[in-house]
Structure formats: structure tokens, C-alpha cells
Amino acid sequence: MPTVTAIKPALATGISDRAFRLFCVLVLHTDGEWVRVQDVADDCNLTNHQVRAPLAELRKADMVESRRVYEQGSQGRPTWHTHFRLAPATNSEAAA
């Protein structure tokens, strides 16, 4: 069963339009699983660098959480990738 997350509380947080757009992508397309920065950027038709500041805004507002994973990159070398997902508090507030 998909998790229900309300978008209305995000409207009152004072985040930028781009951060809200990224939040909506996470709500609509991820079901709470971890997603790479590049995947979110691709979904929003933005570059990897254009989504980093809005994702930092969402993290600061405790709307998403992040983790760094050391994994194989696209060119075959091990590298660090940052993954994001909706914060558990965001999902639990929406379900209440």
C-alpha cells in the first residue's frame, strides 16, 4: 500500500519554488525509498548541480533525509553518491 503524504504542509514552510518542485517529485515518484540526486534532477529536467541547493533546503526543513553511499560510478570507478528520501516525520504527519 503506498504511503500517503500531504503536500499542504510543505506550502507553509517557506521553501523555494524549486525545493517545493523537488519535494513533489519525491512525494509522487519514490514511495519513501532512497533516490540518487541525479535521478531527482532527471525527473525535474534539471542538472545535478541545480538540485543540490533545493535539496539542502528540504534537508534543513527536516522534510528529507540524506545519506552518502560509496558505490561504483558510471565510469566504473568507486565514488560517493548522495541519496535522498522523504523524512519519516513527513510521512507520519501526513498520515495522521
PDB file of N, CA and C in Angstrom:
ATOM      1  N   MET A   1       0.846  -1.180   0.000  1.00  0.00           N
ATOM      2  CA  MET A   1       0.000   0.000   0.000  1.00  0.00           C
ATOM      3  C   MET A   1       0.891   1.242   0.000  1.00  0.00           C
ATOM      4  N   PRO A   2       0.663   2.176  -0.910  1.00  0.00           N
ATOM      5  CA  PRO A   2       1.502   3.374  -0.957  1.00  0.00           C
ATOM      6  C   PRO A   2       1.312   4.252   0.270  1.00  0.00           C
ATOM      7  N   THR A   3       2.373   4.950   0.624  1.00  0.00           N
ATOM      8  CA  THR A   3       2.339   5.868   1.743  1.00  0.00           C
ATOM      9  C   THR A   3       1.634   7.149   1.310  1.00  0.00           C
ATOM     10  N   VAL A   4       0.796   7.695   2.187  1.00  0.00           N
ATOM     11  CA  VAL A   4       0.095   8.934   1.887  1.00  0.00           C
ATOM     12  C   VAL A   4       0.886  10.090   2.481  1.00  0.00           C
ATOM     13  N   THR A   5       1.222  11.050   1.661  1.00  0.00           N
ATOM     14  CA  THR A   5       1.959  12.225   2.112  1.00  0.00           C
ATOM     15  C   THR A   5       1.227  13.462   1.637  1.00  0.00           C
ATOM     16  N   ALA A   6       0.922  14.347   2.561  1.00  0.00           N
ATOM     17  CA  ALA A   6       0.224  15.588   2.212  1.00  0.00           C
ATOM     18  C   ALA A   6       1.218  16.611   1.706  1.00  0.00           C
ATOM     19  N   ILE A   7       0.822  17.347   0.691  1.00  0.00           N
ATOM     20  CA  ILE A   7       1.670  18.394   0.143  1.00  0.00           C
ATOM     21  C   ILE A   7       1.388  19.721   0.835  1.00  0.00           C
ATOM     22  N   LYS A   8       0.199  19.872   1.394  1.00  0.00           N
ATOM     23  CA  LYS A   8      -0.207  21.135   2.005  1.00  0.00           C
ATOM     24  C   LYS A   8       0.773  21.657   3.062  1.00  0.00           C
ATOM     25  N   PRO A   9       1.296  20.817   3.986  1.00  0.00           N
ATOM     26  CA  PRO A   9       2.248  21.349   4.968  1.00  0.00           C
ATOM     27  C   PRO A   9       3.508  21.932   4.331  1.00  0.00           C
ATOM     28  N   ALA A  10       3.911  21.411   3.174  1.00  0.00           N
ATOM     29  CA  ALA A  10       5.107  21.924   2.511  1.00  0.00           C
ATOM     30  C   ALA A  10       4.894  23.341   1.998  1.00  0.00           C
ATOM     31  N   LEU A  11       3.671  23.715   1.734  1.00  0.00           N
ATOM     32  CA  LEU A  11       3.382  25.056   1.240  1.00  0.00           C
ATOM     33  C   LEU A  11       3.633  26.121   2.301  1.00  0.00           C
ATOM     34  N   ALA A  12       3.536  25.745   3.552  1.00  0.00           N
ATOM     35  CA  ALA A  12       3.670  26.705   4.647  1.00  0.00           C
ATOM     36  C   ALA A  12       5.092  26.792   5.206  1.00  0.00           C
ATOM     37  N   THR A  13       6.044  26.093   4.613  1.00  0.00           N
ATOM     38  CA  THR A  13       7.384  26.055   5.198  1.00  0.00           C
ATOM     39  C   THR A  13       8.301  27.172   4.746  1.00  0.00           C
ATOM     40  N   GLY A  14       7.955  27.905   3.722  1.00  0.00           N
ATOM     41  CA  GLY A  14       8.811  28.982   3.256  1.00  0.00           C
ATOM     42  C   GLY A  14       9.972  28.507   2.394  1.00  0.00           C
ATOM     43  N   ILE A  15       9.868  27.330   1.806  1.00  0.00           N
ATOM     44  CA  ILE A  15      10.924  26.846   0.925  1.00  0.00           C
ATOM     45  C   ILE A  15      10.758  27.455  -0.466  1.00  0.00           C
ATOM     46  N   SER A  16      11.801  27.401  -1.257  1.00  0.00           N
ATOM     47  CA  SER A  16      11.759  27.972  -2.608  1.00  0.00           C
ATOM     48  C   SER A  16      10.856  27.146  -3.522  1.00  0.00           C
ATOM     49  N   ASP A  17      10.507  27.730  -4.649  1.00  0.00           N
ATOM     50  CA  ASP A  17       9.675  27.029  -5.626  1.00  0.00           C
ATOM     51  C   ASP A  17      10.365  25.771  -6.143  1.00  0.00           C
ATOM     52  N   ARG A  18      11.652  25.868  -6.385  1.00  0.00           N
ATOM     53  CA  ARG A  18      12.383  24.702  -6.885  1.00  0.00           C
ATOM     54  C   ARG A  18      12.436  23.599  -5.828  1.00  0.00           C
ATOM     55  N   ALA A  19      12.597  23.964  -4.563  1.00  0.00           N
ATOM     56  CA  ALA A  19      12.599  22.969  -3.493  1.00  0.00           C
ATOM     57  C   ALA A  19      11.224  22.305  -3.380  1.00  0.00           C
ATOM     58  N   PHE A  20      10.162  23.087  -3.536  1.00  0.00           N
ATOM     59  CA  PHE A  20       8.818  22.519  -3.496  1.00  0.00           C
ATOM     60  C   PHE A  20       8.612  21.560  -4.670  1.00  0.00           C
ATOM     61  N   ARG A  21       9.125  21.936  -5.824  1.00  0.00           N
ATOM     62  CA  ARG A  21       9.031  21.075  -7.002  1.00  0.00           C
ATOM     63  C   ARG A  21       9.736  19.738  -6.758  1.00  0.00           C
ATOM     64  N   LEU A  22      10.916  19.776  -6.155  1.00  0.00           N
ATOM     65  CA  LEU A  22      11.640  18.549  -5.835  1.00  0.00           C
ATOM     66  C   LEU A  22      10.896  17.718  -4.796  1.00  0.00           C
ATOM     67  N   PHE A  23      10.314  18.400  -3.814  1.00  0.00           N
ATOM     68  CA  PHE A  23       9.530  17.697  -2.800  1.00  0.00           C
ATOM     69  C   PHE A  23       8.368  16.955  -3.454  1.00  0.00           C
ATOM     70  N   CYS A  24       7.689  17.612  -4.381  1.00  0.00           N
ATOM     71  CA  CYS A  24       6.564  16.973  -5.086  1.00  0.00           C
ATOM     72  C   CYS A  24       7.023  15.755  -5.873  1.00  0.00           C
ATOM     73  N   VAL A  25       8.181  15.849  -6.507  1.00  0.00           N
ATOM     74  CA  VAL A  25       8.719  14.695  -7.238  1.00  0.00           C
ATOM     75  C   VAL A  25       8.978  13.542  -6.276  1.00  0.00           C
ATOM     76  N   LEU A  26       9.553  13.843  -5.117  1.00  0.00           N
ATOM     77  CA  LEU A  26       9.805  12.791  -4.133  1.00  0.00           C
ATOM     78  C   LEU A  26       8.502  12.176  -3.633  1.00  0.00           C
ATOM     79  N   VAL A  27       7.488  12.998  -3.428  1.00  0.00           N
ATOM     80  CA  VAL A  27       6.194  12.501  -2.959  1.00  0.00           C
ATOM     81  C   VAL A  27       5.539  11.627  -4.014  1.00  0.00           C
ATOM     82  N   LEU A  28       5.552  12.077  -5.244  1.00  0.00           N
ATOM     83  CA  LEU A  28       4.825  11.390  -6.305  1.00  0.00           C
ATOM     84  C   LEU A  28       5.536  10.172  -6.882  1.00  0.00           C
ATOM     85  N   HIS A  29       6.850  10.130  -6.805  1.00  0.00           N
ATOM     86  CA  HIS A  29       7.558   9.092  -7.534  1.00  0.00           C
ATOM     87  C   HIS A  29       8.423   8.147  -6.717  1.00  0.00           C
ATOM     88  N   THR A  30       8.539   8.317  -5.417  1.00  0.00           N
ATOM     89  CA  THR A  30       9.520   7.496  -4.711  1.00  0.00           C
ATOM     90  C   THR A  30       8.952   6.531  -3.676  1.00  0.00           C
ATOM     91  N   ASP A  31       7.777   6.716  -3.163  1.00  0.00           N
ATOM     92  CA  ASP A  31       7.215   5.840  -2.120  1.00  0.00           C
ATOM     93  C   ASP A  31       8.141   5.678  -0.922  1.00  0.00           C
ATOM     94  N   GLY A  32       8.944   6.703  -0.625  1.00  0.00           N
ATOM     95  CA  GLY A  32       9.793   6.686   0.557  1.00  0.00           C
ATOM     96  C   GLY A  32      11.127   5.984   0.399  1.00  0.00           C
ATOM     97  N   GLU A  33      11.427   5.440  -0.790  1.00  0.00           N
ATOM     98  CA  GLU A  33      12.714   4.771  -0.943  1.00  0.00           C
ATOM     99  C   GLU A  33      13.808   5.792  -1.229  1.00  0.00           C
ATOM    100  N   TRP A  34      15.053   5.374  -1.070  1.00  0.00           N
ATOM    101  CA  TRP A  34      16.206   6.228  -1.320  1.00  0.00           C
ATOM    102  C   TRP A  34      16.345   6.444  -2.814  1.00  0.00           C
ATOM    103  N   VAL A  35      16.651   7.672  -3.218  1.00  0.00           N
ATOM    104  CA  VAL A  35      16.813   8.024  -4.626  1.00  0.00           C
ATOM    105  C   VAL A  35      18.066   8.886  -4.786  1.00  0.00           C
ATOM    106  N   ARG A  36      18.801   8.663  -5.871  1.00  0.00           N
ATOM    107  CA  ARG A  36      20.019   9.432  -6.122  1.00  0.00           C
ATOM    108  C   ARG A  36      19.680  10.861  -6.534  1.00  0.00           C
ATOM    109  N   VAL A  37      20.587  11.784  -6.265  1.00  0.00           N
ATOM    110  CA  VAL A  37      20.419  13.182  -6.650  1.00  0.00           C
ATOM    111  C   VAL A  37      20.194  13.277  -8.159  1.00  0.00           C
ATOM    112  N   GLN A  38      20.964  12.529  -8.930  1.00  0.00           N
ATOM    113  CA  GLN A  38      20.843  12.597 -10.387  1.00  0.00           C
ATOM    114  C   GLN A  38      19.460  12.147 -10.863  1.00  0.00           C
ATOM    115  N   ASP A  39      18.875  11.154 -10.205  1.00  0.00           N
ATOM    116  CA  ASP A  39      17.540  10.687 -10.593  1.00  0.00           C
ATOM    117  C   ASP A  39      16.482  11.759 -10.353  1.00  0.00           C
ATOM    118  N   VAL A  40      16.588  12.463  -9.228  1.00  0.00           N
ATOM    119  CA  VAL A  40      15.655  13.556  -8.938  1.00  0.00           C
ATOM    120  C   VAL A  40      15.852  14.686  -9.944  1.00  0.00           C
ATOM    121  N   ALA A  41      17.097  14.984 -10.263  1.00  0.00           N
ATOM    122  CA  ALA A  41      17.390  16.028 -11.244  1.00  0.00           C
ATOM    123  C   ALA A  41      16.792  15.671 -12.597  1.00  0.00           C
ATOM    124  N   ASP A  42      16.949  14.427 -13.013  1.00  0.00           N
ATOM    125  CA  ASP A  42      16.387  13.994 -14.292  1.00  0.00           C
ATOM    126  C   ASP A  42      14.866  14.109 -14.300  1.00  0.00           C
ATOM    127  N   ASP A  43      14.218  13.739 -13.202  1.00  0.00           N
ATOM    128  CA  ASP A  43      12.757  13.830 -13.110  1.00  0.00           C
ATOM    129  C   ASP A  43      12.263  15.265 -13.211  1.00  0.00           C
ATOM    130  N   CYS A  44      13.072  16.218 -12.756  1.00  0.00           N
ATOM    131  CA  CYS A  44      12.684  17.637 -12.789  1.00  0.00           C
ATOM    132  C   CYS A  44      13.241  18.373 -14.004  1.00  0.00           C
ATOM    133  N   ASN A  45      13.938  17.652 -14.876  1.00  0.00           N
ATOM    134  CA  ASN A  45      14.562  18.254 -16.050  1.00  0.00           C
ATOM    135  C   ASN A  45      15.547  19.359 -15.647  1.00  0.00           C
ATOM    136  N   LEU A  46      16.329  19.075 -14.596  1.00  0.00           N
ATOM    137  CA  LEU A  46      17.350  19.991 -14.100  1.00  0.00           C
ATOM    138  C   LEU A  46      18.693  19.277 -14.095  1.00  0.00           C
ATOM    139  N   THR A  47      19.754  20.042 -13.895  1.00  0.00           N
ATOM    140  CA  THR A  47      21.066  19.418 -13.768  1.00  0.00           C
ATOM    141  C   THR A  47      21.295  18.994 -12.321  1.00  0.00           C
ATOM    142  N   ASN A  48      22.277  18.138 -12.172  1.00  0.00           N
ATOM    143  CA  ASN A  48      22.682  17.658 -10.862  1.00  0.00           C
ATOM    144  C   ASN A  48      22.991  18.828  -9.932  1.00  0.00           C
ATOM    145  N   HIS A  49      23.667  19.856 -10.423  1.00  0.00           N
ATOM    146  CA  HIS A  49      24.054  20.999  -9.600  1.00  0.00           C
ATOM    147  C   HIS A  49      22.871  21.907  -9.273  1.00  0.00           C
ATOM    148  N   GLN A  50      21.865  21.956 -10.138  1.00  0.00           N
ATOM    149  CA  GLN A  50      20.703  22.802  -9.889  1.00  0.00           C
ATOM    150  C   GLN A  50      19.812  22.264  -8.777  1.00  0.00           C
ATOM    151  N   VAL A  51      19.898  20.983  -8.458  1.00  0.00           N
ATOM    152  CA  VAL A  51      19.035  20.428  -7.415  1.00  0.00           C
ATOM    153  C   VAL A  51      19.697  20.363  -6.049  1.00  0.00           C
ATOM    154  N   ARG A  52      20.989  20.565  -5.976  1.00  0.00           N
ATOM    155  CA  ARG A  52      21.679  20.424  -4.692  1.00  0.00           C
ATOM    156  C   ARG A  52      21.244  21.457  -3.651  1.00  0.00           C
ATOM    157  N   ALA A  53      21.140  22.718  -4.026  1.00  0.00           N
ATOM    158  CA  ALA A  53      20.713  23.746  -3.063  1.00  0.00           C
ATOM    159  C   ALA A  53      19.260  23.537  -2.623  1.00  0.00           C
ATOM    160  N   PRO A  54      18.324  23.267  -3.545  1.00  0.00           N
ATOM    161  CA  PRO A  54      16.953  22.999  -3.092  1.00  0.00           C
ATOM    162  C   PRO A  54      16.848  21.751  -2.207  1.00  0.00           C
ATOM    163  N   LEU A  55      17.627  20.721  -2.497  1.00  0.00           N
ATOM    164  CA  LEU A  55      17.606  19.542  -1.630  1.00  0.00           C
ATOM    165  C   LEU A  55      18.183  19.875  -0.255  1.00  0.00           C
ATOM    166  N   ALA A  56      19.180  20.743  -0.212  1.00  0.00           N
ATOM    167  CA  ALA A  56      19.719  21.190   1.084  1.00  0.00           C
ATOM    168  C   ALA A  56      18.655  21.966   1.858  1.00  0.00           C
ATOM    169  N   GLU A  57      17.847  22.771   1.151  1.00  0.00           N
ATOM    170  CA  GLU A  57      16.730  23.484   1.800  1.00  0.00           C
ATOM    171  C   GLU A  57      15.753  22.494   2.421  1.00  0.00           C
ATOM    172  N   LEU A  58      15.415  21.463   1.676  1.00  0.00           N
ATOM    173  CA  LEU A  58      14.476  20.450   2.178  1.00  0.00           C
ATOM    174  C   LEU A  58      15.066  19.705   3.370  1.00  0.00           C
ATOM    175  N   ARG A  59      16.354  19.436   3.321  1.00  0.00           N
ATOM    176  CA  ARG A  59      17.009  18.755   4.443  1.00  0.00           C
ATOM    177  C   ARG A  59      17.010  19.650   5.675  1.00  0.00           C
ATOM    178  N   LYS A  60      17.278  20.938   5.479  1.00  0.00           N
ATOM    179  CA  LYS A  60      17.285  21.890   6.596  1.00  0.00           C
ATOM    180  C   LYS A  60      15.897  22.012   7.218  1.00  0.00           C
ATOM    181  N   ALA A  61      14.856  21.906   6.392  1.00  0.00           N
ATOM    182  CA  ALA A  61      13.473  21.974   6.880  1.00  0.00           C
ATOM    183  C   ALA A  61      12.985  20.626   7.428  1.00  0.00           C
ATOM    184  N   ASP A  62      13.880  19.638   7.509  1.00  0.00           N
ATOM    185  CA  ASP A  62      13.560  18.285   8.001  1.00  0.00           C
ATOM    186  C   ASP A  62      12.461  17.611   7.182  1.00  0.00           C
ATOM    187  N   MET A  63      12.424  17.898   5.900  1.00  0.00           N
ATOM    188  CA  MET A  63      11.431  17.282   5.021  1.00  0.00           C
ATOM    189  C   MET A  63      12.019  16.080   4.284  1.00  0.00           C
ATOM    190  N   VAL A  64      13.339  16.042   4.137  1.00  0.00           N
ATOM    191  CA  VAL A  64      14.019  14.899   3.538  1.00  0.00           C
ATOM    192  C   VAL A  64      15.228  14.561   4.389  1.00  0.00           C
ATOM    193  N   GLU A  65      15.717  13.346   4.225  1.00  0.00           N
ATOM    194  CA  GLU A  65      16.954  12.946   4.866  1.00  0.00           C
ATOM    195  C   GLU A  65      17.902  12.445   3.788  1.00  0.00           C
ATOM    196  N   SER A  66      19.185  12.485   4.079  1.00  0.00           N
ATOM    197  CA  SER A  66      20.170  12.092   3.077  1.00  0.00           C
ATOM    198  C   SER A  66      21.171  11.119   3.665  1.00  0.00           C
ATOM    199  N   ARG A  67      21.843  10.416   2.753  1.00  0.00           N
ATOM    200  CA  ARG A  67      22.945   9.537   3.131  1.00  0.00           C
ATOM    201  C   ARG A  67      23.917   9.494   1.967  1.00  0.00           C
ATOM    202  N   ARG A  68      25.173   9.276   2.272  1.00  0.00           N
ATOM    203  CA  ARG A  68      26.194   9.139   1.226  1.00  0.00           C
ATOM    204  C   ARG A  68      26.581   7.678   1.139  1.00  0.00           C
ATOM    205  N   VAL A  69      26.647   7.178  -0.086  1.00  0.00           N
ATOM    206  CA  VAL A  69      26.944   5.772  -0.326  1.00  0.00           C
ATOM    207  C   VAL A  69      28.159   5.685  -1.237  1.00  0.00           C
ATOM    208  N   TYR A  70      29.116   4.857  -0.867  1.00  0.00           N
ATOM    209  CA  TYR A  70      30.304   4.640  -1.692  1.00  0.00           C
ATOM    210  C   TYR A  70      29.989   3.478  -2.624  1.00  0.00           C
ATOM    211  N   GLU A  71      29.807   3.784  -3.912  1.00  0.00           N
ATOM    212  CA  GLU A  71      29.418   2.766  -4.870  1.00  0.00           C
ATOM    213  C   GLU A  71      30.093   3.017  -6.213  1.00  0.00           C
ATOM    214  N   GLN A  72      29.944   2.094  -7.116  1.00  0.00           N
ATOM    215  CA  GLN A  72      30.574   2.216  -8.426  1.00  0.00           C
ATOM    216  C   GLN A  72      29.866   3.279  -9.252  1.00  0.00           C
ATOM    217  N   GLY A  73      30.643   4.180  -9.816  1.00  0.00           N
ATOM    218  CA  GLY A  73      30.106   5.241 -10.640  1.00  0.00           C
ATOM    219  C   GLY A  73      29.865   4.791 -12.068  1.00  0.00           C
ATOM    220  N   SER A  74      29.379   5.697 -12.887  1.00  0.00           N
ATOM    221  CA  SER A  74      29.045   5.384 -14.267  1.00  0.00           C
ATOM    222  C   SER A  74      30.267   5.040 -15.112  1.00  0.00           C
ATOM    223  N   GLN A  75      31.453   5.453 -14.679  1.00  0.00           N
ATOM    224  CA  GLN A  75      32.672   5.169 -15.432  1.00  0.00           C
ATOM    225  C   GLN A  75      33.477   4.014 -14.835  1.00  0.00           C
ATOM    226  N   GLY A  76      32.852   3.261 -13.927  1.00  0.00           N
ATOM    227  CA  GLY A  76      33.481   2.075 -13.374  1.00  0.00           C
ATOM    228  C   GLY A  76      34.355   2.290 -12.162  1.00  0.00           C
ATOM    229  N   ARG A  77      34.495   3.527 -11.696  1.00  0.00           N
ATOM    230  CA  ARG A  77      35.306   3.805 -10.514  1.00  0.00           C
ATOM    231  C   ARG A  77      34.401   3.947  -9.291  1.00  0.00           C
ATOM    232  N   PRO A  78      34.869   3.479  -8.144  1.00  0.00           N
ATOM    233  CA  PRO A  78      34.110   3.715  -6.916  1.00  0.00           C
ATOM    234  C   PRO A  78      34.061   5.213  -6.608  1.00  0.00           C
ATOM    235  N   THR A  79      32.921   5.699  -6.201  1.00  0.00           N
ATOM    236  CA  THR A  79      32.747   7.119  -5.896  1.00  0.00           C
ATOM    237  C   THR A  79      31.614   7.282  -4.890  1.00  0.00           C
ATOM    238  N   TRP A  80      31.522   8.454  -4.301  1.00  0.00           N
ATOM    239  CA  TRP A  80      30.453   8.746  -3.359  1.00  0.00           C
ATOM    240  C   TRP A  80      29.234   9.262  -4.113  1.00  0.00           C
ATOM    241  N   HIS A  81      28.062   8.728  -3.799  1.00  0.00           N
ATOM    242  CA  HIS A  81      26.793   9.228  -4.329  1.00  0.00           C
ATOM    243  C   HIS A  81      25.904   9.595  -3.150  1.00  0.00           C
ATOM    244  N   THR A  82      25.201  10.701  -3.281  1.00  0.00           N
ATOM    245  CA  THR A  82      24.265  11.128  -2.238  1.00  0.00           C
ATOM    246  C   THR A  82      22.869  10.663  -2.619  1.00  0.00           C
ATOM    247  N   HIS A  83      22.175  10.067  -1.651  1.00  0.00           N
ATOM    248  CA  HIS A  83      20.810   9.599  -1.844  1.00  0.00           C
ATOM    249  C   HIS A  83      19.897  10.372  -0.895  1.00  0.00           C
ATOM    250  N   PHE A  84      18.672  10.606  -1.325  1.00  0.00           N
ATOM    251  CA  PHE A  84      17.669  11.302  -0.515  1.00  0.00           C
ATOM    252  C   PHE A  84      16.393  10.487  -0.455  1.00  0.00           C
ATOM    253  N   ARG A  85      15.612  10.735   0.582  1.00  0.00           N
ATOM    254  CA  ARG A  85      14.248  10.209   0.666  1.00  0.00           C
ATOM    255  C   ARG A  85      13.454  11.125   1.579  1.00  0.00           C
ATOM    256  N   LEU A  86      12.144  11.006   1.512  1.00  0.00           N
ATOM    257  CA  LEU A  86      11.293  11.787   2.410  1.00  0.00           C
ATOM    258  C   LEU A  86      11.587  11.398   3.837  1.00  0.00           C
ATOM    259  N   ALA A  87      11.617  12.375   4.709  1.00  0.00           N
ATOM    260  CA  ALA A  87      11.867  12.098   6.128  1.00  0.00           C
ATOM    261  C   ALA A  87      10.681  11.348   6.711  1.00  0.00           C
ATOM    262  N   PRO A  88      10.942  10.391   7.599  1.00  0.00           N
ATOM    263  CA  PRO A  88       9.837   9.640   8.214  1.00  0.00           C
ATOM    264  C   PRO A  88       8.821  10.569   8.887  1.00  0.00           C
ATOM    265  N   ALA A  89       9.258  11.667   9.459  1.00  0.00           N
ATOM    266  CA  ALA A  89       8.330  12.607  10.107  1.00  0.00           C
ATOM    267  C   ALA A  89       7.364  13.199   9.087  1.00  0.00           C
ATOM    268  N   THR A  90       7.811  13.427   7.859  1.00  0.00           N
ATOM    269  CA  THR A  90       6.950  13.959   6.818  1.00  0.00           C
ATOM    270  C   THR A  90       5.836  13.001   6.509  1.00  0.00           C
ATOM    271  N   ASN A  91       6.172  11.717   6.405  1.00  0.00           N
ATOM    272  CA  ASN A  91       5.152  10.703   6.107  1.00  0.00           C
ATOM    273  C   ASN A  91       4.199  10.502   7.270  1.00  0.00           C
ATOM    274  N   SER A  92       4.719  10.489   8.510  1.00  0.00           N
ATOM    275  CA  SER A  92       3.851  10.229   9.650  1.00  0.00           C
ATOM    276  C   SER A  92       2.908  11.393   9.922  1.00  0.00           C
ATOM    277  N   GLU A  93       3.358  12.646   9.690  1.00  0.00           N
ATOM    278  CA  GLU A  93       2.476  13.794   9.871  1.00  0.00           C
ATOM    279  C   GLU A  93       1.348  13.769   8.862  1.00  0.00           C
ATOM    280  N   ALA A  94       1.640  13.346   7.659  1.00  0.00           N
ATOM    281  CA  ALA A  94       0.624  13.316   6.617  1.00  0.00           C
ATOM    282  C   ALA A  94      -0.396  12.223   6.868  1.00  0.00           C
ATOM    283  N   ALA A  95       0.044  11.110   7.450  1.00  0.00           N
ATOM    284  CA  ALA A  95      -0.866  10.016   7.695  1.00  0.00           C
ATOM    285  C   ALA A  95      -1.813  10.288   8.855  1.00  0.00           C
ATOM    286  N   ALA A  96      -1.401  11.189   9.757  1.00  0.00           N
ATOM    287  CA  ALA A  96      -2.223  11.476  10.944  1.00  0.00           C
ATOM    288  C   ALA A  96      -3.458  12.273  10.620  1.00  0.00           C
TER     289      ALA A  96
END
